[in-house]
Amino acid sequence: MLTAGKLATVQALSGTGALRIGFEFLRRHVQQPPVVYLPSHTWGNHLKVVHESGISDVRKYRYYDPSTLSLDIEGMCADLAAAPAGSIILLHTSGHNPVGFDPSAEDWQRLARLCMEGGLLPFFDNAYQGYTSGSLEDDAYSVRLFASLGMDLFCACSFAKNMGLYGERVGALHALVSSPAEAQILVSQFQAIIRPMYSSPPSHYARVAGLILSDPALSSQWQAELREMAARIQRMRTLFLEALAESGCPGEWGHLARQRGMFGFTGLEREEVGRLKKEFSIYMLENGRISLSGFNEGNVAYVARAFAAVLAGRASTPGAACAARIEEKEGVEGETMAMASSSDRPECEGLGDGRVEMNASPQNAPHL
């Protein structure tokens, strides 16, 4: 696609900036009022970015089934099959935030056919490429599949996690279109949006990313480090599951083992999350999403014992209340995604969960 000249690319302020530019462009230039579909469970900033772009018609497609603690692929396909032609479908490329369940290769093929047959526009949020599985190729399977089928698509890319440049805001917006002439037009329109919004992105760490990607030796070293980091997070997931079993924690935790990426969607209810915070100084999002990157070998047993204490006597399986909505909060310090009251709106996780160095003592509180 690069050699064919059909890819329109602009540097953006990480993945969030790329999403903002893309949705702003689509709001301005689609021929009808745009309809955006978000997953039923998604990153808290998605809904904010879409609304700030001036798009008001935001709907959800089913993604996570709390009754089975797994991906709801049948519900997802049914909702996308019913979406009106021209709808914009936001898709997590890999390492879904917050639930950690990704479609299989066969699922992606099915979803691609639905998008083609229904005239839907895929918009991928590629926030964790290489950080989910350790493989850049595997984590990009969905985007490359859709591109290979000749579909127009948008893709917001971030180097925040996979290059450790979180505070440097390095990312890109890509749009795959039908011709080089169309790609040139899109680049011009993207630049027209960027110029009055923030003029130009910072260049220093973008050059660092470019150097790593263009130098074979540096690229090889980077990919080796990515594999190491992905393996560390998977090891923390395994150690946490073992520690839960050793602590006698109630419930069946197989859903955590099936998830991928840096998050664990625990299935804890809001009250239980509150007890972990108040009684054990363990912090996570109210919907039960925990950041596995905050674990280490010195604190994982402490967290598991806290889970066991909080869940003692609980009759239901963890996860039964995962679909409970987060109440809208006014004036909350930091960024927290307010839940819309309508059942047609997606359930979004909050932002700003702390990540600090952790140990096994409650005096130095884990932030997960």
Protein backbone atom coordinates (compact mmCIF):
# COMPACT_ATOMS: atom_id res chain seq x y z
CA MET A 1 0.00 0.00 0.00
CA LEU A 2 2.92 2.34 0.65
CA THR A 3 4.38 1.69 -2.78
CA ALA A 4 0.97 2.17 -4.36
CA GLY A 5 0.74 5.61 -2.75
CA LYS A 6 -2.71 4.95 -1.33
CA LEU A 7 -1.83 5.62 2.30
CA ALA A 8 -2.38 9.12 3.70
CA THR A 9 -0.32 9.64 6.87
CA VAL A 10 0.21 12.55 9.23
CA GLN A 11 2.09 12.70 12.51
CA ALA A 12 -0.27 13.12 15.47
CA LEU A 13 -0.19 13.71 19.21
CA SER A 14 -0.06 10.00 19.99
CA GLY A 15 -3.11 7.80 19.49
CA THR A 16 -5.58 10.23 21.07
CA GLY A 17 -4.52 13.01 18.72
CA ALA A 18 -4.80 10.67 15.75
CA LEU A 19 -8.33 9.70 16.75
CA ARG A 20 -9.30 13.34 17.19
CA ILE A 21 -8.01 14.34 13.73
CA GLY A 22 -9.66 11.35 12.09
CA PHE A 23 -13.09 11.86 13.63
CA GLU A 24 -12.94 15.61 12.98
CA PHE A 25 -12.22 14.89 9.30
CA LEU A 26 -15.06 12.39 9.06
CA ARG A 27 -17.50 14.77 10.74
CA ARG A 28 -16.61 17.49 8.24
CA HIS A 29 -16.51 15.48 5.06
CA VAL A 30 -18.94 12.56 5.09
CA GLN A 31 -22.04 13.28 3.04
CA GLN A 32 -24.50 12.50 5.81
CA PRO A 33 -24.45 13.05 9.58
CA PRO A 34 -21.90 10.45 10.71
CA VAL A 35 -22.86 7.47 12.84
CA VAL A 36 -20.10 6.05 15.03
CA TYR A 37 -20.21 2.61 16.66
CA LEU A 38 -18.06 1.98 19.73
CA PRO A 39 -17.65 -1.33 21.57
CA SER A 40 -20.01 -1.82 24.51
CA HIS A 41 -16.91 -1.72 26.73
CA THR A 42 -14.13 0.60 25.61
CA TRP A 43 -11.45 3.10 26.62
CA GLY A 44 -12.98 6.08 28.40
CA ASN A 45 -11.54 8.70 26.08
CA HIS A 46 -13.13 7.24 22.94
CA LEU A 47 -16.57 8.68 23.64
CA LYS A 48 -15.08 12.02 24.67
CA VAL A 49 -13.00 12.29 21.50
CA VAL A 50 -15.94 11.45 19.26
CA HIS A 51 -18.18 14.00 20.99
CA GLU A 52 -15.51 16.71 20.95
CA SER A 53 -15.20 16.12 17.20
CA GLY A 54 -18.81 17.23 16.85
CA ILE A 55 -20.35 13.80 16.27
CA SER A 56 -23.48 13.26 18.32
CA ASP A 57 -24.83 9.96 16.95
CA VAL A 58 -22.75 7.43 18.89
CA ARG A 59 -24.05 3.90 19.23
CA LYS A 60 -22.66 0.71 20.70
CA TYR A 61 -22.08 -2.76 19.39
CA ARG A 62 -21.93 -5.69 21.76
CA TYR A 63 -18.40 -6.74 22.61
CA TYR A 64 -18.10 -8.28 26.07
CA ASP A 65 -20.58 -10.74 27.55
CA PRO A 66 -20.50 -10.56 31.38
CA SER A 67 -22.54 -13.74 31.66
CA THR A 68 -19.81 -15.80 29.97
CA LEU A 69 -16.86 -13.55 30.87
CA SER A 70 -15.73 -13.58 27.25
CA LEU A 71 -15.97 -11.89 23.87
CA ASP A 72 -19.52 -11.71 22.52
CA ILE A 73 -18.64 -12.33 18.87
CA GLU A 74 -22.18 -13.31 17.90
CA GLY A 75 -23.63 -10.14 19.39
CA MET A 76 -20.85 -8.09 17.81
CA CYS A 77 -21.53 -9.52 14.35
CA ALA A 78 -25.29 -9.09 14.70
CA ASP A 79 -24.95 -5.43 15.67
CA LEU A 80 -22.52 -4.63 12.86
CA ALA A 81 -24.72 -6.45 10.34
CA ALA A 82 -27.57 -4.15 11.38
CA ALA A 83 -25.50 -0.94 11.24
CA PRO A 84 -26.51 1.51 8.49
CA ALA A 85 -24.22 1.78 5.47
CA GLY A 86 -21.53 4.40 5.93
CA SER A 87 -21.27 3.90 9.70
CA ILE A 88 -17.84 4.33 11.26
CA ILE A 89 -16.83 1.29 13.33
CA LEU A 90 -14.17 1.80 15.98
CA LEU A 91 -12.13 -1.38 16.48
CA HIS A 92 -9.36 -2.16 18.98
CA THR A 93 -6.47 -3.67 17.00
CA SER A 94 -5.17 -5.80 19.90
CA GLY A 95 -4.99 -5.86 23.69
CA HIS A 96 -8.53 -4.55 24.11
CA ASN A 97 -8.84 -1.91 26.82
CA PRO A 98 -10.43 -2.62 29.26
CA VAL A 99 -11.62 -6.23 28.85
CA GLY A 100 -8.52 -7.87 27.34
CA PHE A 101 -10.42 -10.11 24.89
CA ASP A 102 -9.53 -9.86 21.19
CA PRO A 103 -11.27 -11.48 18.22
CA SER A 104 -9.54 -14.56 16.79
CA ALA A 105 -8.19 -14.62 13.23
CA GLU A 106 -11.41 -16.33 12.12
CA ASP A 107 -13.46 -13.70 13.94
CA TRP A 108 -11.56 -10.90 12.22
CA GLN A 109 -12.20 -12.48 8.83
CA ARG A 110 -15.89 -12.59 9.63
CA LEU A 111 -15.90 -8.98 10.78
CA ALA A 112 -14.05 -7.86 7.65
CA ARG A 113 -16.70 -9.48 5.45
CA LEU A 114 -19.45 -7.74 7.42
CA CYS A 115 -17.76 -4.37 6.96
CA MET A 116 -17.30 -4.94 3.25
CA GLU A 117 -20.84 -6.18 2.67
CA GLY A 118 -22.41 -3.47 4.83
CA GLY A 119 -20.40 -0.55 3.46
CA LEU A 120 -18.95 0.22 6.90
CA LEU A 121 -15.77 2.22 7.52
CA PRO A 122 -13.35 0.58 9.99
CA PHE A 123 -11.40 2.94 12.26
CA PHE A 124 -8.71 1.01 14.15
CA ASP A 125 -7.22 2.18 17.43
CA ASN A 126 -3.75 0.65 17.35
CA ALA A 127 -2.52 1.50 20.84
CA TYR A 128 -0.60 -1.65 21.82
CA GLN A 129 1.04 -3.09 18.71
CA GLY A 130 3.81 -5.46 19.82
CA TYR A 131 2.96 -4.88 23.48
CA THR A 132 0.07 -7.34 23.48
CA SER A 133 1.66 -10.52 22.13
CA GLY A 134 5.28 -9.46 21.72
CA SER A 135 4.91 -9.63 17.93
CA LEU A 136 4.37 -6.55 15.75
CA GLU A 137 3.09 -8.82 13.00
CA ASP A 138 0.57 -10.73 15.10
CA ASP A 139 -0.81 -7.61 16.76
CA ALA A 140 -1.35 -5.93 13.36
CA TYR A 141 -3.20 -8.90 11.85
CA SER A 142 -6.61 -7.22 11.87
CA VAL A 143 -5.51 -4.01 10.14
CA ARG A 144 -3.48 -5.86 7.52
CA LEU A 145 -6.34 -8.25 6.83
CA PHE A 146 -8.78 -5.41 6.18
CA ALA A 147 -6.18 -3.60 4.04
CA SER A 148 -5.50 -6.72 1.98
CA LEU A 149 -9.18 -6.85 1.05
CA GLY A 150 -8.98 -3.41 -0.55
CA MET A 151 -11.10 -1.65 2.04
CA ASP A 152 -10.85 2.03 2.89
CA LEU A 153 -9.92 2.35 6.55
CA PHE A 154 -8.52 4.68 9.19
CA CYS A 155 -5.93 3.69 11.80
CA ALA A 156 -4.73 5.68 14.81
CA CYS A 157 -1.28 4.55 15.94
CA SER A 158 0.54 5.27 19.19
CA PHE A 159 4.17 4.77 20.19
CA ALA A 160 3.42 5.61 23.83
CA LYS A 161 3.46 2.06 25.16
CA ASN A 162 5.47 0.08 22.65
CA MET A 163 8.37 2.55 22.60
CA GLY A 164 8.06 3.81 26.17
CA LEU A 165 7.32 7.36 24.94
CA TYR A 166 4.12 7.90 26.92
CA GLY A 167 4.78 11.51 27.86
CA GLU A 168 6.16 12.50 24.47
CA ARG A 169 2.92 12.17 22.46
CA VAL A 170 4.26 10.38 19.39
CA GLY A 171 1.74 8.83 17.02
CA ALA A 172 0.29 8.88 13.53
CA LEU A 173 -3.00 8.84 11.70
CA HIS A 174 -3.17 6.60 8.63
CA ALA A 175 -5.97 6.51 6.09
CA LEU A 176 -5.97 3.85 3.39
CA VAL A 177 -7.92 5.01 0.35
CA SER A 178 -8.50 3.99 -3.25
CA SER A 179 -5.98 6.12 -5.14
CA PRO A 180 -2.80 8.21 -4.71
CA ALA A 181 -4.73 11.34 -5.71
CA GLU A 182 -7.25 10.74 -2.93
CA ALA A 183 -4.42 10.13 -0.45
CA GLN A 184 -2.90 13.52 -1.31
CA ILE A 185 -6.27 15.21 -0.79
CA LEU A 186 -6.67 13.58 2.62
CA VAL A 187 -3.20 14.65 3.76
CA SER A 188 -4.06 18.23 2.80
CA GLN A 189 -7.35 18.06 4.72
CA PHE A 190 -5.68 16.50 7.78
CA GLN A 191 -3.15 19.33 7.77
CA ALA A 192 -5.97 21.89 7.53
CA ILE A 193 -7.44 20.41 10.73
CA ILE A 194 -4.11 20.24 12.54
CA ARG A 195 -2.94 23.77 11.74
CA PRO A 196 -5.52 25.71 13.81
CA MET A 197 -5.76 22.95 16.45
CA TYR A 198 -2.11 22.71 17.58
CA SER A 199 -0.15 23.87 14.52
CA SER A 200 2.47 21.11 14.52
CA PRO A 201 3.47 18.14 16.66
CA PRO A 202 6.77 17.94 18.57
CA SER A 203 9.58 16.59 16.46
CA HIS A 204 12.29 15.31 18.80
CA TYR A 205 10.86 11.96 19.89
CA ALA A 206 9.18 11.46 16.53
CA ARG A 207 12.70 11.48 15.12
CA VAL A 208 13.72 8.95 17.77
CA ALA A 209 10.86 6.68 16.68
CA GLY A 210 11.75 7.18 13.03
CA LEU A 211 15.38 6.30 13.71
CA ILE A 212 14.42 3.08 15.49
CA LEU A 213 12.07 2.04 12.72
CA SER A 214 14.53 2.81 9.92
CA ASP A 215 17.69 1.28 11.42
CA PRO A 216 17.67 -2.54 11.18
CA ALA A 217 19.88 -3.04 14.23
CA LEU A 218 17.89 -0.67 16.42
CA SER A 219 14.61 -2.09 15.16
CA SER A 220 15.74 -5.61 16.01
CA GLN A 221 16.80 -4.53 19.51
CA TRP A 222 13.50 -2.74 20.04
CA GLN A 223 11.46 -5.74 18.98
CA ALA A 224 13.46 -7.98 21.31
CA GLU A 225 12.70 -5.62 24.19
CA LEU A 226 9.02 -5.60 23.22
CA ARG A 227 8.94 -9.38 23.44
CA GLU A 228 10.60 -9.18 26.85
CA MET A 229 8.06 -6.66 28.15
CA ALA A 230 5.07 -8.58 26.79
CA ALA A 231 6.44 -11.76 28.36
CA ARG A 232 6.87 -9.99 31.71
CA ILE A 233 3.24 -8.89 31.75
CA GLN A 234 2.11 -12.40 30.84
CA ARG A 235 4.28 -13.77 33.65
CA MET A 236 2.63 -11.34 36.09
CA ARG A 237 -0.78 -12.55 34.92
CA THR A 238 0.28 -16.15 35.55
CA LEU A 239 1.77 -15.35 38.96
CA PHE A 240 -1.37 -13.48 39.98
CA LEU A 241 -3.57 -16.41 39.01
CA GLU A 242 -1.32 -18.78 40.97
CA ALA A 243 -1.38 -16.43 43.97
CA LEU A 244 -5.19 -16.24 43.85
CA ALA A 245 -5.34 -20.03 43.99
CA GLU A 246 -2.80 -20.24 46.80
CA SER A 247 -4.68 -17.64 48.84
CA GLY A 248 -7.93 -19.58 48.51
CA CYS A 249 -9.62 -16.69 46.74
CA PRO A 250 -13.26 -17.57 45.94
CA GLY A 251 -14.45 -17.81 42.37
CA GLU A 252 -13.26 -19.15 39.04
CA TRP A 253 -10.57 -16.99 37.44
CA GLY A 254 -10.21 -18.61 34.03
CA HIS A 255 -11.41 -15.41 32.35
CA LEU A 256 -8.22 -13.65 33.48
CA ALA A 257 -6.12 -16.41 31.96
CA ARG A 258 -7.89 -16.00 28.60
CA GLN A 259 -7.34 -12.26 28.41
CA ARG A 260 -4.41 -10.58 26.64
CA GLY A 261 -2.36 -7.46 27.08
CA MET A 262 -1.51 -5.25 30.02
CA PHE A 263 -4.96 -5.21 31.67
CA GLY A 264 -7.02 -7.68 33.60
CA PHE A 265 -10.81 -7.29 33.68
CA THR A 266 -11.34 -8.90 37.07
CA GLY A 267 -15.12 -8.85 37.36
CA LEU A 268 -15.04 -7.21 40.79
CA GLU A 269 -18.01 -5.06 41.71
CA ARG A 270 -17.67 -1.41 42.58
CA GLU A 271 -18.13 -2.03 46.29
CA GLU A 272 -15.35 -4.62 46.27
CA VAL A 273 -13.02 -2.24 44.44
CA GLY A 274 -13.85 0.33 47.12
CA ARG A 275 -12.94 -2.09 49.90
CA LEU A 276 -9.60 -2.90 48.25
CA LYS A 277 -8.83 0.80 48.18
CA LYS A 278 -10.02 1.58 51.71
CA GLU A 279 -8.80 -1.50 53.57
CA PHE A 280 -5.74 -2.56 51.58
CA SER A 281 -4.59 0.57 49.71
CA ILE A 282 -4.97 -1.17 46.37
CA TYR A 283 -6.22 1.07 43.59
CA MET A 284 -7.87 0.15 40.28
CA LEU A 285 -10.72 1.41 38.14
CA GLU A 286 -14.23 1.16 39.54
CA ASN A 287 -15.22 -1.29 36.80
CA GLY A 288 -12.63 -3.78 38.10
CA ARG A 289 -9.96 -3.25 35.46
CA ILE A 290 -6.50 -3.81 36.91
CA SER A 291 -3.17 -2.89 35.31
CA LEU A 292 -0.93 -5.94 35.30
CA SER A 293 2.09 -3.77 34.52
CA GLY A 294 1.90 -2.59 38.14
CA PHE A 295 2.56 -6.08 39.48
CA ASN A 296 5.94 -7.42 40.48
CA GLU A 297 7.11 -10.53 42.31
CA GLY A 298 7.15 -8.61 45.58
CA ASN A 299 3.53 -7.49 45.63
CA VAL A 300 1.49 -10.04 43.70
CA ALA A 301 0.87 -12.27 46.73
CA TYR A 302 -0.26 -9.29 48.83
CA VAL A 303 -2.81 -8.27 46.19
CA ALA A 304 -4.10 -11.85 45.89
CA ARG A 305 -4.57 -12.10 49.66
CA ALA A 306 -6.47 -8.81 49.62
CA PHE A 307 -8.72 -10.13 46.86
CA ALA A 308 -9.37 -13.26 48.93
CA ALA A 309 -10.29 -11.21 51.99
CA VAL A 310 -12.66 -8.93 50.08
CA LEU A 311 -14.33 -11.78 48.18
CA ALA A 312 -14.71 -14.11 51.16
CA GLY A 313 -18.30 -15.30 51.33
CA ARG A 314 -19.22 -14.00 47.90
CA ALA A 315 -21.74 -16.35 46.31
CA SER A 316 -21.53 -15.28 42.66
CA THR A 317 -18.69 -15.76 40.22
CA PRO A 318 -16.45 -12.70 39.80
CA GLY A 319 -17.50 -10.92 36.64
CA ALA A 320 -21.25 -11.22 37.01
CA ALA A 321 -21.53 -7.49 37.54
CA CYS A 322 -19.07 -6.35 34.89
CA ALA A 323 -21.85 -4.70 32.92
CA ALA A 324 -22.84 -2.44 35.83
CA ARG A 325 -22.59 1.13 34.69
CA ILE A 326 -20.30 3.71 36.23
CA GLU A 327 -22.35 6.60 37.58
CA GLU A 328 -21.65 10.03 36.15
CA LYS A 329 -19.45 12.04 38.47
CA GLU A 330 -18.99 15.80 38.48
CA GLY A 331 -15.77 17.43 39.56
CA VAL A 332 -13.75 14.24 39.95
CA GLU A 333 -10.02 14.92 40.08
CA GLY A 334 -8.29 13.63 36.96
CA GLU A 335 -10.09 12.16 33.97
CA THR A 336 -13.00 9.82 34.58
CA MET A 337 -15.33 8.71 31.84
CA ALA A 338 -18.93 9.53 32.72
CA MET A 339 -21.41 6.82 31.81
CA ALA A 340 -24.32 7.86 29.65
CA SER A 341 -27.67 6.76 31.00
CA SER A 342 -28.91 5.50 27.63
CA SER A 343 -28.50 1.80 27.00
CA ASP A 344 -27.41 2.66 23.46
CA ARG A 345 -24.22 4.28 24.72
CA PRO A 346 -21.00 2.31 25.26
CA GLU A 347 -19.69 1.48 28.71
CA CYS A 348 -16.39 3.27 29.07
CA GLU A 349 -13.65 2.79 31.58
CA GLY A 350 -12.11 5.65 33.46
CA LEU A 351 -8.80 7.35 32.84
CA GLY A 352 -5.96 8.42 35.04
CA ASP A 353 -5.42 5.22 37.03
CA GLY A 354 -2.13 5.63 38.86
CA ARG A 355 0.87 3.46 38.11
CA VAL A 356 3.54 3.69 40.79
CA GLU A 357 6.29 1.43 41.99
CA MET A 358 4.67 -1.21 44.15
CA ASN A 359 5.73 -3.45 46.99
CA ALA A 360 3.93 -5.87 49.28
CA SER A 361 3.30 -3.41 52.11
CA PRO A 362 0.12 -1.33 52.39
CA GLN A 363 2.20 1.70 53.38
CA ASN A 364 3.36 1.94 49.76
CA ALA A 365 0.01 1.54 48.09
CA PRO A 366 -0.31 -0.41 44.85
CA HIS A 367 -1.98 1.50 42.03
CA LEU A 368 -3.23 -0.98 39.45
